[in-house]
Amino acid sequence: MADKMAELAAQQEGFLGVESARDEWLGITVSYWESLDAIKKWKRNSAHQVAQCRGKTEWYKKIALRVCKVERDKFFEM
């Protein structure tokens, strides 16, 4: 479902990108958007709402949601 949601999000206006990491105990997905309005529109997407509901009722014991502003981004490669 995470892959399907990433594909769907990529079609939404204002989508900038997504990063995801998973193992058997933890899954983290971070999506990046150009504005709070774009985030609100993604939240209202019906397929996304179904996935969120299933996540809460079927897949996860705990869910955290954070809306953050990225002020700076640096990447280092060794």
Protein backbone atom coordinates (compact mmCIF):
# COMPACT_ATOMS: atom_id res chain seq x y z
CA MET A 1 0.00 0.00 0.00
CA ALA A 2 2.89 2.38 0.75
CA ASP A 3 4.11 2.02 -2.86
CA LYS A 4 0.60 2.66 -4.20
CA MET A 5 0.24 5.76 -2.03
CA ALA A 6 3.63 7.08 -3.17
CA GLU A 7 2.56 6.64 -6.81
CA LEU A 8 -0.76 8.37 -6.13
CA ALA A 9 0.88 11.21 -4.19
CA ALA A 10 3.28 11.81 -7.09
CA GLN A 11 0.23 12.64 -9.24
CA GLN A 12 -1.01 15.29 -6.80
CA GLU A 13 -0.37 18.97 -7.40
CA GLY A 14 2.33 20.27 -5.07
CA PHE A 15 4.06 16.92 -4.50
CA LEU A 16 7.85 17.26 -4.20
CA GLY A 17 9.00 13.76 -3.26
CA VAL A 18 8.88 10.88 -0.79
CA GLU A 19 11.33 8.89 1.34
CA SER A 20 10.53 5.61 3.02
CA ALA A 21 12.26 3.07 5.28
CA ARG A 22 10.84 -0.17 6.66
CA ASP A 23 11.81 -3.22 8.62
CA GLU A 24 9.77 -5.81 10.49
CA TRP A 25 9.11 -3.45 13.44
CA LEU A 26 9.02 0.06 12.05
CA GLY A 27 7.87 1.87 8.94
CA ILE A 28 8.60 5.51 8.23
CA THR A 29 7.37 7.46 5.22
CA VAL A 30 8.10 11.15 4.74
CA SER A 31 6.37 13.02 1.95
CA TYR A 32 7.37 16.51 0.86
CA TRP A 33 4.92 19.12 -0.41
CA GLU A 34 5.28 22.66 -1.69
CA SER A 35 2.66 24.14 0.64
CA LEU A 36 0.25 23.49 3.51
CA ASP A 37 -2.57 23.72 0.98
CA ALA A 38 -1.04 20.84 -1.03
CA ILE A 39 -0.80 18.80 2.20
CA LYS A 40 -4.48 19.48 2.98
CA LYS A 41 -5.51 18.38 -0.52
CA TRP A 42 -3.51 15.15 -0.13
CA LYS A 43 -5.18 14.53 3.23
CA ARG A 44 -8.60 14.82 1.54
CA ASN A 45 -7.72 12.34 -1.25
CA SER A 46 -10.26 9.49 -0.93
CA ALA A 47 -7.80 6.64 -1.66
CA HIS A 48 -5.37 8.12 0.87
CA GLN A 49 -8.16 8.30 3.46
CA VAL A 50 -8.96 4.60 2.90
CA ALA A 51 -5.28 3.69 3.32
CA GLN A 52 -5.06 5.74 6.52
CA CYS A 53 -8.15 4.02 7.92
CA ARG A 54 -6.74 0.58 7.11
CA GLY A 55 -3.44 1.55 8.69
CA LYS A 56 -5.20 2.50 11.91
CA THR A 57 -7.45 -0.58 12.01
CA GLU A 58 -5.41 -3.35 10.35
CA TRP A 59 -1.68 -2.73 10.04
CA TYR A 60 -0.29 -0.60 12.86
CA LYS A 61 -0.50 -0.54 16.64
CA LYS A 62 0.72 3.08 16.78
CA ILE A 63 0.74 5.86 14.22
CA ALA A 64 2.41 9.27 14.43
CA LEU A 65 1.81 12.14 12.03
CA ARG A 66 4.01 15.21 11.87
CA VAL A 67 3.69 18.24 9.64
CA CYS A 68 7.04 20.00 9.56
CA LYS A 69 8.75 22.73 7.62
CA VAL A 70 12.20 21.93 6.27
CA GLU A 71 14.38 24.98 6.78
CA ARG A 72 17.61 23.48 5.51
CA ASP A 73 18.67 20.22 3.92
CA LYS A 74 22.24 18.92 3.60
CA PHE A 75 23.42 15.64 2.18
CA PHE A 76 26.84 14.11 2.70
CA GLU A 77 28.20 11.14 0.85
CA MET A 78 31.26 9.18 1.99
